[in-house]
PDB file of N, CA and C in Angstrom:
ATOM      1  N   MET A   1       7.151 -15.359  34.200  1.00  0.00           N
ATOM      2  CA  MET A   1       8.042 -15.057  33.107  1.00  0.00           C
ATOM      3  C   MET A   1       8.173 -13.531  33.001  1.00  0.00           C
ATOM      4  N   PRO A   2       9.383 -13.000  32.787  1.00  0.00           N
ATOM      5  CA  PRO A   2       9.548 -11.555  32.673  1.00  0.00           C
ATOM      6  C   PRO A   2       8.749 -10.991  31.503  1.00  0.00           C
ATOM      7  N   LYS A   3       8.323  -9.726  31.677  1.00  0.00           N
ATOM      8  CA  LYS A   3       7.484  -9.098  30.663  1.00  0.00           C
ATOM      9  C   LYS A   3       8.207  -8.995  29.309  1.00  0.00           C
ATOM     10  N   LYS A   4       9.512  -8.719  29.338  1.00  0.00           N
ATOM     11  CA  LYS A   4      10.270  -8.612  28.088  1.00  0.00           C
ATOM     12  C   LYS A   4      10.273  -9.943  27.331  1.00  0.00           C
ATOM     13  N   SER A   5      10.380 -11.048  28.061  1.00  0.00           N
ATOM     14  CA  SER A   5      10.374 -12.364  27.428  1.00  0.00           C
ATOM     15  C   SER A   5       9.021 -12.647  26.775  1.00  0.00           C
ATOM     16  N   LEU A   6       7.938 -12.264  27.442  1.00  0.00           N
ATOM     17  CA  LEU A   6       6.605 -12.454  26.862  1.00  0.00           C
ATOM     18  C   LEU A   6       6.445 -11.622  25.595  1.00  0.00           C
ATOM     19  N   LYS A   7       6.948 -10.392  25.622  1.00  0.00           N
ATOM     20  CA  LYS A   7       6.860  -9.534  24.438  1.00  0.00           C
ATOM     21  C   LYS A   7       7.639 -10.150  23.281  1.00  0.00           C
ATOM     22  N   THR A   8       8.783 -10.747  23.583  1.00  0.00           N
ATOM     23  CA  THR A   8       9.573 -11.407  22.544  1.00  0.00           C
ATOM     24  C   THR A   8       8.786 -12.549  21.916  1.00  0.00           C
ATOM     25  N   TRP A   9       8.090 -13.332  22.739  1.00  0.00           N
ATOM     26  CA  TRP A   9       7.254 -14.421  22.208  1.00  0.00           C
ATOM     27  C   TRP A   9       6.155 -13.859  21.311  1.00  0.00           C
ATOM     28  N   GLY A  10       5.567 -12.745  21.727  1.00  0.00           N
ATOM     29  CA  GLY A  10       4.539 -12.112  20.908  1.00  0.00           C
ATOM     30  C   GLY A  10       5.082 -11.625  19.578  1.00  0.00           C
ATOM     31  N   GLU A  11       6.290 -11.039  19.606  1.00  0.00           N
ATOM     32  CA  GLU A  11       6.913 -10.572  18.367  1.00  0.00           C
ATOM     33  C   GLU A  11       7.237 -11.743  17.440  1.00  0.00           C
ATOM     34  N   LEU A  12       7.756 -12.822  18.006  1.00  0.00           N
ATOM     35  CA  LEU A  12       8.059 -14.010  17.202  1.00  0.00           C
ATOM     36  C   LEU A  12       6.786 -14.608  16.605  1.00  0.00           C
ATOM     37  N   ALA A  13       5.715 -14.640  17.392  1.00  0.00           N
ATOM     38  CA  ALA A  13       4.440 -15.165  16.889  1.00  0.00           C
ATOM     39  C   ALA A  13       3.924 -14.304  15.744  1.00  0.00           C
ATOM     40  N   PHE A  14       4.110 -12.989  15.846  1.00  0.00           N
ATOM     41  CA  PHE A  14       3.668 -12.093  14.778  1.00  0.00           C
ATOM     42  C   PHE A  14       4.447 -12.360  13.493  1.00  0.00           C
ATOM     43  N   ILE A  15       5.766 -12.429  13.603  1.00  0.00           N
ATOM     44  CA  ILE A  15       6.603 -12.674  12.426  1.00  0.00           C
ATOM     45  C   ILE A  15       6.274 -14.032  11.810  1.00  0.00           C
ATOM     46  N   LEU A  16       6.171 -15.059  12.649  1.00  0.00           N
ATOM     47  CA  LEU A  16       5.829 -16.396  12.166  1.00  0.00           C
ATOM     48  C   LEU A  16       4.473 -16.394  11.471  1.00  0.00           C
ATOM     49  N   GLY A  17       3.491 -15.754  12.080  1.00  0.00           N
ATOM     50  CA  GLY A  17       2.145 -15.730  11.508  1.00  0.00           C
ATOM     51  C   GLY A  17       2.095 -15.051  10.153  1.00  0.00           C
ATOM     52  N   VAL A  18       2.733 -13.893  10.046  1.00  0.00           N
ATOM     53  CA  VAL A  18       2.718 -13.167   8.770  1.00  0.00           C
ATOM     54  C   VAL A  18       3.463 -13.951   7.690  1.00  0.00           C
ATOM     55  N   LEU A  19       4.642 -14.455   8.027  1.00  0.00           N
ATOM     56  CA  LEU A  19       5.412 -15.224   7.037  1.00  0.00           C
ATOM     57  C   LEU A  19       4.673 -16.486   6.597  1.00  0.00           C
ATOM     58  N   LEU A  20       4.110 -17.210   7.555  1.00  0.00           N
ATOM     59  CA  LEU A  20       3.372 -18.423   7.214  1.00  0.00           C
ATOM     60  C   LEU A  20       2.150 -18.097   6.356  1.00  0.00           C
ATOM     61  N   ALA A  21       1.445 -17.025   6.693  1.00  0.00           N
ATOM     62  CA  ALA A  21       0.271 -16.628   5.914  1.00  0.00           C
ATOM     63  C   ALA A  21       0.651 -16.295   4.476  1.00  0.00           C
ATOM     64  N   ILE A  22       1.745 -15.591   4.300  1.00  0.00           N
ATOM     65  CA  ILE A  22       2.169 -15.212   2.952  1.00  0.00           C
ATOM     66  C   ILE A  22       2.647 -16.428   2.165  1.00  0.00           C
ATOM     67  N   VAL A  23       3.527 -17.212   2.763  1.00  0.00           N
ATOM     68  CA  VAL A  23       4.095 -18.367   2.048  1.00  0.00           C
ATOM     69  C   VAL A  23       3.011 -19.372   1.681  1.00  0.00           C
ATOM     70  N   THR A  24       2.138 -19.696   2.624  1.00  0.00           N
ATOM     71  CA  THR A  24       1.098 -20.683   2.322  1.00  0.00           C
ATOM     72  C   THR A  24       0.009 -20.110   1.430  1.00  0.00           C
ATOM     73  N   GLY A  25      -0.123 -18.784   1.391  1.00  0.00           N
ATOM     74  CA  GLY A  25      -1.035 -18.169   0.434  1.00  0.00           C
ATOM     75  C   GLY A  25      -0.494 -18.238  -0.983  1.00  0.00           C
ATOM     76  N   LEU A  26       0.822 -18.120  -1.099  1.00  0.00           N
ATOM     77  CA  LEU A  26       1.458 -18.203  -2.416  1.00  0.00           C
ATOM     78  C   LEU A  26       1.557 -19.641  -2.914  1.00  0.00           C
ATOM     79  N   PHE A  27       1.849 -20.539  -1.994  1.00  0.00           N
ATOM     80  CA  PHE A  27       2.028 -21.958  -2.338  1.00  0.00           C
ATOM     81  C   PHE A  27       0.976 -22.769  -1.578  1.00  0.00           C
ATOM     82  N   THR A  28      -0.211 -22.837  -2.141  1.00  0.00           N
ATOM     83  CA  THR A  28      -1.359 -23.394  -1.424  1.00  0.00           C
ATOM     84  C   THR A  28      -1.234 -24.874  -1.106  1.00  0.00           C
ATOM     85  N   THR A  29      -0.375 -25.589  -1.790  1.00  0.00           N
ATOM     86  CA  THR A  29      -0.238 -27.020  -1.519  1.00  0.00           C
ATOM     87  C   THR A  29       0.947 -27.327  -0.609  1.00  0.00           C
ATOM     88  N   ALA A  30       1.584 -26.299  -0.051  1.00  0.00           N
ATOM     89  CA  ALA A  30       2.779 -26.506   0.774  1.00  0.00           C
ATOM     90  C   ALA A  30       2.467 -27.290   2.045  1.00  0.00           C
ATOM     91  N   LEU A  31       1.363 -26.994   2.686  1.00  0.00           N
ATOM     92  CA  LEU A  31       0.965 -27.662   3.932  1.00  0.00           C
ATOM     93  C   LEU A  31      -0.530 -27.930   3.901  1.00  0.00           C
ATOM     94  N   ASN A  32      -0.959 -28.799   4.784  1.00  0.00           N
ATOM     95  CA  ASN A  32      -2.381 -29.075   4.957  1.00  0.00           C
ATOM     96  C   ASN A  32      -3.076 -27.787   5.417  1.00  0.00           C
ATOM     97  N   PRO A  33      -4.159 -27.355   4.740  1.00  0.00           N
ATOM     98  CA  PRO A  33      -4.841 -26.117   5.120  1.00  0.00           C
ATOM     99  C   PRO A  33      -5.337 -26.108   6.573  1.00  0.00           C
ATOM    100  N   GLY A  34      -5.754 -27.257   7.079  1.00  0.00           N
ATOM    101  CA  GLY A  34      -6.194 -27.324   8.476  1.00  0.00           C
ATOM    102  C   GLY A  34      -5.061 -27.051   9.444  1.00  0.00           C
ATOM    103  N   THR A  35      -3.903 -27.592   9.145  1.00  0.00           N
ATOM    104  CA  THR A  35      -2.724 -27.359   9.980  1.00  0.00           C
ATOM    105  C   THR A  35      -2.310 -25.899   9.917  1.00  0.00           C
ATOM    106  N   VAL A  36      -2.301 -25.346   8.718  1.00  0.00           N
ATOM    107  CA  VAL A  36      -1.945 -23.934   8.545  1.00  0.00           C
ATOM    108  C   VAL A  36      -2.913 -23.054   9.326  1.00  0.00           C
ATOM    109  N   GLY A  37      -4.201 -23.330   9.192  1.00  0.00           N
ATOM    110  CA  GLY A  37      -5.204 -22.546   9.911  1.00  0.00           C
ATOM    111  C   GLY A  37      -5.018 -22.598  11.413  1.00  0.00           C
ATOM    112  N   LEU A  38      -4.757 -23.784  11.934  1.00  0.00           N
ATOM    113  CA  LEU A  38      -4.546 -23.933  13.376  1.00  0.00           C
ATOM    114  C   LEU A  38      -3.324 -23.144  13.841  1.00  0.00           C
ATOM    115  N   ILE A  39      -2.234 -23.239  13.100  1.00  0.00           N
ATOM    116  CA  ILE A  39      -1.021 -22.500  13.466  1.00  0.00           C
ATOM    117  C   ILE A  39      -1.280 -20.993  13.416  1.00  0.00           C
ATOM    118  N   LEU A  40      -1.989 -20.533  12.390  1.00  0.00           N
ATOM    119  CA  LEU A  40      -2.284 -19.108  12.268  1.00  0.00           C
ATOM    120  C   LEU A  40      -3.180 -18.618  13.401  1.00  0.00           C
ATOM    121  N   VAL A  41      -4.168 -19.414  13.779  1.00  0.00           N
ATOM    122  CA  VAL A  41      -5.057 -19.028  14.882  1.00  0.00           C
ATOM    123  C   VAL A  41      -4.289 -18.960  16.197  1.00  0.00           C
ATOM    124  N   VAL A  42      -3.466 -19.954  16.473  1.00  0.00           N
ATOM    125  CA  VAL A  42      -2.683 -19.958  17.719  1.00  0.00           C
ATOM    126  C   VAL A  42      -1.723 -18.769  17.741  1.00  0.00           C
ATOM    127  N   ALA A  43      -1.051 -18.513  16.617  1.00  0.00           N
ATOM    128  CA  ALA A  43      -0.143 -17.363  16.551  1.00  0.00           C
ATOM    129  C   ALA A  43      -0.913 -16.062  16.753  1.00  0.00           C
ATOM    130  N   GLY A  44      -2.100 -15.958  16.175  1.00  0.00           N
ATOM    131  CA  GLY A  44      -2.934 -14.772  16.359  1.00  0.00           C
ATOM    132  C   GLY A  44      -3.346 -14.573  17.806  1.00  0.00           C
ATOM    133  N   LEU A  45      -3.695 -15.660  18.482  1.00  0.00           N
ATOM    134  CA  LEU A  45      -4.043 -15.559  19.905  1.00  0.00           C
ATOM    135  C   LEU A  45      -2.848 -15.080  20.730  1.00  0.00           C
ATOM    136  N   ILE A  46      -1.677 -15.617  20.431  1.00  0.00           N
ATOM    137  CA  ILE A  46      -0.471 -15.196  21.156  1.00  0.00           C
ATOM    138  C   ILE A  46      -0.221 -13.705  20.931  1.00  0.00           C
ATOM    139  N   VAL A  47      -0.340 -13.263  19.695  1.00  0.00           N
ATOM    140  CA  VAL A  47      -0.144 -11.842  19.390  1.00  0.00           C
ATOM    141  C   VAL A  47      -1.174 -10.996  20.131  1.00  0.00           C
ATOM    142  N   GLY A  48      -2.423 -11.420  20.125  1.00  0.00           N
ATOM    143  CA  GLY A  48      -3.468 -10.661  20.807  1.00  0.00           C
ATOM    144  C   GLY A  48      -3.234 -10.536  22.298  1.00  0.00           C
ATOM    145  N   PHE A  49      -2.779 -11.605  22.920  1.00  0.00           N
ATOM    146  CA  PHE A  49      -2.546 -11.583  24.367  1.00  0.00           C
ATOM    147  C   PHE A  49      -1.250 -10.870  24.746  1.00  0.00           C
ATOM    148  N   LEU A  50      -0.205 -11.004  23.947  1.00  0.00           N
ATOM    149  CA  LEU A  50       1.119 -10.547  24.374  1.00  0.00           C
ATOM    150  C   LEU A  50       1.637  -9.300  23.665  1.00  0.00           C
ATOM    151  N   ASN A  51       1.162  -9.002  22.491  1.00  0.00           N
ATOM    152  CA  ASN A  51       1.821  -7.983  21.675  1.00  0.00           C
ATOM    153  C   ASN A  51       1.125  -6.635  21.656  1.00  0.00           C
ATOM    154  N   ILE A  52      -0.175  -6.607  21.723  1.00  0.00           N
ATOM    155  CA  ILE A  52      -0.911  -5.362  21.539  1.00  0.00           C
ATOM    156  C   ILE A  52      -1.157  -4.716  22.899  1.00  0.00           C
ATOM    157  N   GLN A  53      -0.601  -3.514  23.055  1.00  0.00           N
ATOM    158  CA  GLN A  53      -0.751  -2.777  24.307  1.00  0.00           C
ATOM    159  C   GLN A  53      -2.024  -1.929  24.251  1.00  0.00           C
ATOM    160  N   GLU A  54      -2.444  -1.426  25.412  1.00  0.00           N
ATOM    161  CA  GLU A  54      -3.696  -0.671  25.491  1.00  0.00           C
ATOM    162  C   GLU A  54      -3.689   0.545  24.563  1.00  0.00           C
ATOM    163  N   LYS A  55      -2.564   1.242  24.481  1.00  0.00           N
ATOM    164  CA  LYS A  55      -2.504   2.440  23.635  1.00  0.00           C
ATOM    165  C   LYS A  55      -2.576   2.106  22.141  1.00  0.00           C
ATOM    166  N   GLU A  56      -2.317   0.868  21.766  1.00  0.00           N
ATOM    167  CA  GLU A  56      -2.346   0.445  20.365  1.00  0.00           C
ATOM    168  C   GLU A  56      -3.681  -0.176  19.957  1.00  0.00           C
ATOM    169  N   THR A  57      -4.583  -0.320  20.896  1.00  0.00           N
ATOM    170  CA  THR A  57      -5.828  -1.050  20.658  1.00  0.00           C
ATOM    171  C   THR A  57      -6.642  -0.480  19.502  1.00  0.00           C
ATOM    172  N   GLY A  58      -6.908   0.814  19.531  1.00  0.00           N
ATOM    173  CA  GLY A  58      -7.739   1.427  18.495  1.00  0.00           C
ATOM    174  C   GLY A  58      -7.152   1.264  17.106  1.00  0.00           C
ATOM    175  N   ASN A  59      -5.879   1.599  16.968  1.00  0.00           N
ATOM    176  CA  ASN A  59      -5.219   1.475  15.664  1.00  0.00           C
ATOM    177  C   ASN A  59      -5.200   0.027  15.183  1.00  0.00           C
ATOM    178  N   PHE A  60      -4.921  -0.896  16.090  1.00  0.00           N
ATOM    179  CA  PHE A  60      -4.875  -2.308  15.702  1.00  0.00           C
ATOM    180  C   PHE A  60      -6.239  -2.781  15.217  1.00  0.00           C
ATOM    181  N   LEU A  61      -7.295  -2.433  15.937  1.00  0.00           N
ATOM    182  CA  LEU A  61      -8.627  -2.905  15.551  1.00  0.00           C
ATOM    183  C   LEU A  61      -9.078  -2.309  14.218  1.00  0.00           C
ATOM    184  N   VAL A  62      -8.772  -1.034  13.981  1.00  0.00           N
ATOM    185  CA  VAL A  62      -9.114  -0.424  12.691  1.00  0.00           C
ATOM    186  C   VAL A  62      -8.351  -1.116  11.563  1.00  0.00           C
ATOM    187  N   ALA A  63      -7.063  -1.356  11.781  1.00  0.00           N
ATOM    188  CA  ALA A  63      -6.255  -2.040  10.763  1.00  0.00           C
ATOM    189  C   ALA A  63      -6.765  -3.457  10.521  1.00  0.00           C
ATOM    190  N   ALA A  64      -7.154  -4.150  11.582  1.00  0.00           N
ATOM    191  CA  ALA A  64      -7.665  -5.518  11.443  1.00  0.00           C
ATOM    192  C   ALA A  64      -8.960  -5.532  10.634  1.00  0.00           C
ATOM    193  N   ILE A  65      -9.839  -4.586  10.908  1.00  0.00           N
ATOM    194  CA  ILE A  65     -11.100  -4.502  10.157  1.00  0.00           C
ATOM    195  C   ILE A  65     -10.818  -4.223   8.683  1.00  0.00           C
ATOM    196  N   ALA A  66      -9.928  -3.275   8.414  1.00  0.00           N
ATOM    197  CA  ALA A  66      -9.594  -2.946   7.022  1.00  0.00           C
ATOM    198  C   ALA A  66      -9.001  -4.152   6.305  1.00  0.00           C
ATOM    199  N   LEU A  67      -8.126  -4.852   6.978  1.00  0.00           N
ATOM    200  CA  LEU A  67      -7.486  -6.022   6.373  1.00  0.00           C
ATOM    201  C   LEU A  67      -8.506  -7.108   6.061  1.00  0.00           C
ATOM    202  N   MET A  68      -9.431  -7.336   6.963  1.00  0.00           N
ATOM    203  CA  MET A  68     -10.434  -8.372   6.720  1.00  0.00           C
ATOM    204  C   MET A  68     -11.396  -7.963   5.607  1.00  0.00           C
ATOM    205  N   LEU A  69     -11.627  -6.663   5.444  1.00  0.00           N
ATOM    206  CA  LEU A  69     -12.486  -6.205   4.350  1.00  0.00           C
ATOM    207  C   LEU A  69     -11.815  -6.366   2.989  1.00  0.00           C
ATOM    208  N   VAL A  70     -10.503  -6.254   2.944  1.00  0.00           N
ATOM    209  CA  VAL A  70      -9.784  -6.437   1.679  1.00  0.00           C
ATOM    210  C   VAL A  70     -10.076  -7.818   1.101  1.00  0.00           C
ATOM    211  N   GLY A  71     -10.212  -8.794   1.956  1.00  0.00           N
ATOM    212  CA  GLY A  71     -10.486 -10.155   1.501  1.00  0.00           C
ATOM    213  C   GLY A  71     -11.828 -10.309   0.823  1.00  0.00           C
ATOM    214  N   THR A  72     -12.729  -9.359   1.044  1.00  0.00           N
ATOM    215  CA  THR A  72     -14.054  -9.433   0.426  1.00  0.00           C
ATOM    216  C   THR A  72     -14.175  -8.510  -0.778  1.00  0.00           C
ATOM    217  N   ALA A  73     -13.072  -7.925  -1.226  1.00  0.00           N
ATOM    218  CA  ALA A  73     -13.112  -6.907  -2.279  1.00  0.00           C
ATOM    219  C   ALA A  73     -13.231  -7.473  -3.685  1.00  0.00           C
ATOM    220  N   GLY A  74     -13.250  -8.762  -3.834  1.00  0.00           N
ATOM    221  CA  GLY A  74     -13.375  -9.360  -5.159  1.00  0.00           C
ATOM    222  C   GLY A  74     -12.082  -9.376  -5.951  1.00  0.00           C
ATOM    223  N   VAL A  75     -10.950  -9.346  -5.241  1.00  0.00           N
ATOM    224  CA  VAL A  75      -9.654  -9.344  -5.929  1.00  0.00           C
ATOM    225  C   VAL A  75      -9.400 -10.640  -6.691  1.00  0.00           C
ATOM    226  N   ASP A  76     -10.125 -11.688  -6.355  1.00  0.00           N
ATOM    227  CA  ASP A  76      -9.920 -12.958  -7.052  1.00  0.00           C
ATOM    228  C   ASP A  76     -10.360 -12.885  -8.511  1.00  0.00           C
ATOM    229  N   ARG A  77     -11.024 -11.806  -8.894  1.00  0.00           N
ATOM    230  CA  ARG A  77     -11.455 -11.642 -10.289  1.00  0.00           C
ATOM    231  C   ARG A  77     -10.335 -11.116 -11.188  1.00  0.00           C
ATOM    232  N   ILE A  78      -9.209 -10.738 -10.592  1.00  0.00           N
ATOM    233  CA  ILE A  78      -8.060 -10.307 -11.390  1.00  0.00           C
ATOM    234  C   ILE A  78      -7.428 -11.573 -11.970  1.00  0.00           C
ATOM    235  N   THR A  79      -7.569 -11.736 -13.262  1.00  0.00           N
ATOM    236  CA  THR A  79      -7.135 -12.996 -13.880  1.00  0.00           C
ATOM    237  C   THR A  79      -5.734 -12.938 -14.477  1.00  0.00           C
ATOM    238  N   LEU A  80      -5.158 -11.765 -14.587  1.00  0.00           N
ATOM    239  CA  LEU A  80      -3.823 -11.622 -15.158  1.00  0.00           C
ATOM    240  C   LEU A  80      -2.806 -12.397 -14.331  1.00  0.00           C
ATOM    241  N   LEU A  81      -2.159 -13.363 -14.933  1.00  0.00           N
ATOM    242  CA  LEU A  81      -1.130 -14.195 -14.286  1.00  0.00           C
ATOM    243  C   LEU A  81      -1.627 -14.880 -13.017  1.00  0.00           C
ATOM    244  N   ASN A  82      -2.931 -15.071 -12.924  1.00  0.00           N
ATOM    245  CA  ASN A  82      -3.528 -15.722 -11.755  1.00  0.00           C
ATOM    246  C   ASN A  82      -3.253 -14.945 -10.458  1.00  0.00           C
ATOM    247  N   LEU A  83      -3.075 -13.631 -10.577  1.00  0.00           N
ATOM    248  CA  LEU A  83      -2.756 -12.811  -9.409  1.00  0.00           C
ATOM    249  C   LEU A  83      -3.918 -12.693  -8.431  1.00  0.00           C
ATOM    250  N   GLY A  84      -5.133 -12.593  -8.943  1.00  0.00           N
ATOM    251  CA  GLY A  84      -6.287 -12.413  -8.069  1.00  0.00           C
ATOM    252  C   GLY A  84      -6.466 -13.527  -7.056  1.00  0.00           C
ATOM    253  N   PRO A  85      -6.579 -14.780  -7.510  1.00  0.00           N
ATOM    254  CA  PRO A  85      -6.738 -15.873  -6.548  1.00  0.00           C
ATOM    255  C   PRO A  85      -5.554 -16.010  -5.591  1.00  0.00           C
ATOM    256  N   THR A  86      -4.355 -15.761  -6.088  1.00  0.00           N
ATOM    257  CA  THR A  86      -3.179 -15.853  -5.218  1.00  0.00           C
ATOM    258  C   THR A  86      -3.228 -14.776  -4.144  1.00  0.00           C
ATOM    259  N   PHE A  87      -3.549 -13.543  -4.547  1.00  0.00           N
ATOM    260  CA  PHE A  87      -3.659 -12.447  -3.584  1.00  0.00           C
ATOM    261  C   PHE A  87      -4.757 -12.737  -2.568  1.00  0.00           C
ATOM    262  N   LYS A  88      -5.868 -13.271  -3.050  1.00  0.00           N
ATOM    263  CA  LYS A  88      -6.968 -13.617  -2.141  1.00  0.00           C
ATOM    264  C   LYS A  88      -6.527 -14.681  -1.140  1.00  0.00           C
ATOM    265  N   ASN A  89      -5.769 -15.680  -1.574  1.00  0.00           N
ATOM    266  CA  ASN A  89      -5.266 -16.702  -0.650  1.00  0.00           C
ATOM    267  C   ASN A  89      -4.389 -16.087   0.431  1.00  0.00           C
ATOM    268  N   VAL A  90      -3.503 -15.184   0.040  1.00  0.00           N
ATOM    269  CA  VAL A  90      -2.616 -14.536   1.010  1.00  0.00           C
ATOM    270  C   VAL A  90      -3.433 -13.711   2.000  1.00  0.00           C
ATOM    271  N   VAL A  91      -4.354 -12.899   1.492  1.00  0.00           N
ATOM    272  CA  VAL A  91      -5.165 -12.043   2.365  1.00  0.00           C
ATOM    273  C   VAL A  91      -6.052 -12.885   3.281  1.00  0.00           C
ATOM    274  N   THR A  92      -6.599 -13.968   2.770  1.00  0.00           N
ATOM    275  CA  THR A  92      -7.414 -14.855   3.606  1.00  0.00           C
ATOM    276  C   THR A  92      -6.588 -15.440   4.738  1.00  0.00           C
ATOM    277  N   ASN A  93      -5.383 -15.894   4.433  1.00  0.00           N
ATOM    278  CA  ASN A  93      -4.524 -16.444   5.485  1.00  0.00           C
ATOM    279  C   ASN A  93      -4.145 -15.380   6.512  1.00  0.00           C
ATOM    280  N   ILE A  94      -3.868 -14.166   6.053  1.00  0.00           N
ATOM    281  CA  ILE A  94      -3.552 -13.092   6.999  1.00  0.00           C
ATOM    282  C   ILE A  94      -4.774 -12.787   7.861  1.00  0.00           C
ATOM    283  N   ALA A  95      -5.967 -12.815   7.270  1.00  0.00           N
ATOM    284  CA  ALA A  95      -7.187 -12.578   8.047  1.00  0.00           C
ATOM    285  C   ALA A  95      -7.401 -13.677   9.086  1.00  0.00           C
ATOM    286  N   ILE A  96      -7.095 -14.924   8.729  1.00  0.00           N
ATOM    287  CA  ILE A  96      -7.200 -16.028   9.694  1.00  0.00           C
ATOM    288  C   ILE A  96      -6.243 -15.798  10.856  1.00  0.00           C
ATOM    289  N   PHE A  97      -5.100 -15.205  10.581  1.00  0.00           N
ATOM    290  CA  PHE A  97      -4.111 -14.885  11.608  1.00  0.00           C
ATOM    291  C   PHE A  97      -4.550 -13.694  12.463  1.00  0.00           C
ATOM    292  N   VAL A  98      -5.091 -12.663  11.827  1.00  0.00           N
ATOM    293  CA  VAL A  98      -5.425 -11.423  12.529  1.00  0.00           C
ATOM    294  C   VAL A  98      -6.735 -11.532  13.312  1.00  0.00           C
ATOM    295  N   ALA A  99      -7.697 -12.309  12.834  1.00  0.00           N
ATOM    296  CA  ALA A  99      -9.015 -12.378  13.473  1.00  0.00           C
ATOM    297  C   ALA A  99      -8.958 -12.787  14.945  1.00  0.00           C
ATOM    298  N   PRO A 100      -8.219 -13.827  15.326  1.00  0.00           N
ATOM    299  CA  PRO A 100      -8.164 -14.167  16.752  1.00  0.00           C
ATOM    300  C   PRO A 100      -7.496 -13.075  17.586  1.00  0.00           C
ATOM    301  N   ALA A 101      -6.468 -12.439  17.016  1.00  0.00           N
ATOM    302  CA  ALA A 101      -5.819 -11.339  17.734  1.00  0.00           C
ATOM    303  C   ALA A 101      -6.805 -10.193  17.927  1.00  0.00           C
ATOM    304  N   ALA A 102      -7.587  -9.887  16.899  1.00  0.00           N
ATOM    305  CA  ALA A 102      -8.582  -8.822  16.998  1.00  0.00           C
ATOM    306  C   ALA A 102      -9.655  -9.167  18.028  1.00  0.00           C
ATOM    307  N   ALA A 103     -10.060 -10.426  18.078  1.00  0.00           N
ATOM    308  CA  ALA A 103     -11.054 -10.844  19.075  1.00  0.00           C
ATOM    309  C   ALA A 103     -10.515 -10.661  20.488  1.00  0.00           C
ATOM    310  N   VAL A 104      -9.272 -11.072  20.712  1.00  0.00           N
ATOM    311  CA  VAL A 104      -8.664 -10.933  22.040  1.00  0.00           C
ATOM    312  C   VAL A 104      -8.535  -9.465  22.414  1.00  0.00           C
ATOM    313  N   VAL A 105      -8.027  -8.652  21.490  1.00  0.00           N
ATOM    314  CA  VAL A 105      -7.817  -7.229  21.772  1.00  0.00           C
ATOM    315  C   VAL A 105      -9.146  -6.530  22.018  1.00  0.00           C
ATOM    316  N   SER A 106     -10.173  -6.852  21.235  1.00  0.00           N
ATOM    317  CA  SER A 106     -11.469  -6.203  21.443  1.00  0.00           C
ATOM    318  C   SER A 106     -12.096  -6.624  22.768  1.00  0.00           C
ATOM    319  N   LEU A 107     -11.941  -7.886  23.150  1.00  0.00           N
ATOM    320  CA  LEU A 107     -12.456  -8.318  24.454  1.00  0.00           C
ATOM    321  C   LEU A 107     -11.702  -7.643  25.597  1.00  0.00           C
ATOM    322  N   LYS A 108     -10.380  -7.498  25.454  1.00  0.00           N
ATOM    323  CA  LYS A 108      -9.601  -6.787  26.468  1.00  0.00           C
ATOM    324  C   LYS A 108     -10.059  -5.334  26.569  1.00  0.00           C
ATOM    325  N   ALA A 109     -10.359  -4.706  25.426  1.00  0.00           N
ATOM    326  CA  ALA A 109     -10.829  -3.320  25.418  1.00  0.00           C
ATOM    327  C   ALA A 109     -12.185  -3.198  26.108  1.00  0.00           C
ATOM    328  N   ILE A 110     -13.075  -4.154  25.867  1.00  0.00           N
ATOM    329  CA  ILE A 110     -14.392  -4.131  26.512  1.00  0.00           C
ATOM    330  C   ILE A 110     -14.251  -4.284  28.019  1.00  0.00           C
ATOM    331  N   VAL A 111     -13.382  -5.184  28.443  1.00  0.00           N
ATOM    332  CA  VAL A 111     -13.143  -5.368  29.883  1.00  0.00           C
ATOM    333  C   VAL A 111     -12.581  -4.088  30.487  1.00  0.00           C
ATOM    334  N   ASP A 112     -11.631  -3.453  29.801  1.00  0.00           N
ATOM    335  CA  ASP A 112     -11.062  -2.198  30.300  1.00  0.00           C
ATOM    336  C   ASP A 112     -12.125  -1.108  30.392  1.00  0.00           C
ATOM    337  N   LEU A 113     -13.010  -1.036  29.406  1.00  0.00           N
ATOM    338  CA  LEU A 113     -14.092  -0.051  29.447  1.00  0.00           C
ATOM    339  C   LEU A 113     -15.054  -0.328  30.593  1.00  0.00           C
ATOM    340  N   ALA A 114     -15.314  -1.585  30.857  1.00  0.00           N
ATOM    341  CA  ALA A 114     -16.230  -1.949  31.944  1.00  0.00           C
ATOM    342  C   ALA A 114     -15.648  -1.595  33.305  1.00  0.00           C
ATOM    343  N   LYS A 115     -14.325  -1.620  33.418  1.00  0.00           N
ATOM    344  CA  LYS A 115     -13.675  -1.287  34.686  1.00  0.00           C
ATOM    345  C   LYS A 115     -13.751   0.201  35.001  1.00  0.00           C
ATOM    346  N   LYS A 116     -13.886   1.037  33.965  1.00  0.00           N
ATOM    347  CA  LYS A 116     -13.863   2.498  34.166  1.00  0.00           C
ATOM    348  C   LYS A 116     -15.178   3.027  34.628  1.00  0.00           C
TER     349      LYS A 116
END
């Protein structure tokens, strides 16, 4: 498959993953959580394999770590209009999406370092 076509699949997986994470975080009963999780993990793997280039590795991994830490910040304690739990649901879903991509990118980085 041409490289441009693979990049397009990676871009589509990224858009799908982010949108699905946000929508299902806002509307927690929209889909089965197991199905949502599986789709987010698969989309994250596709993004990790196809979307992140070597020059973007460091920035992506730092952003992924920061994003996953936001989920542990205790935002669910914000009780005004139920914003805290909703925000936590969205961030958790985004973390489920980003974690597999971060794992793939970090493993690719380790392999690249081992080759040098």
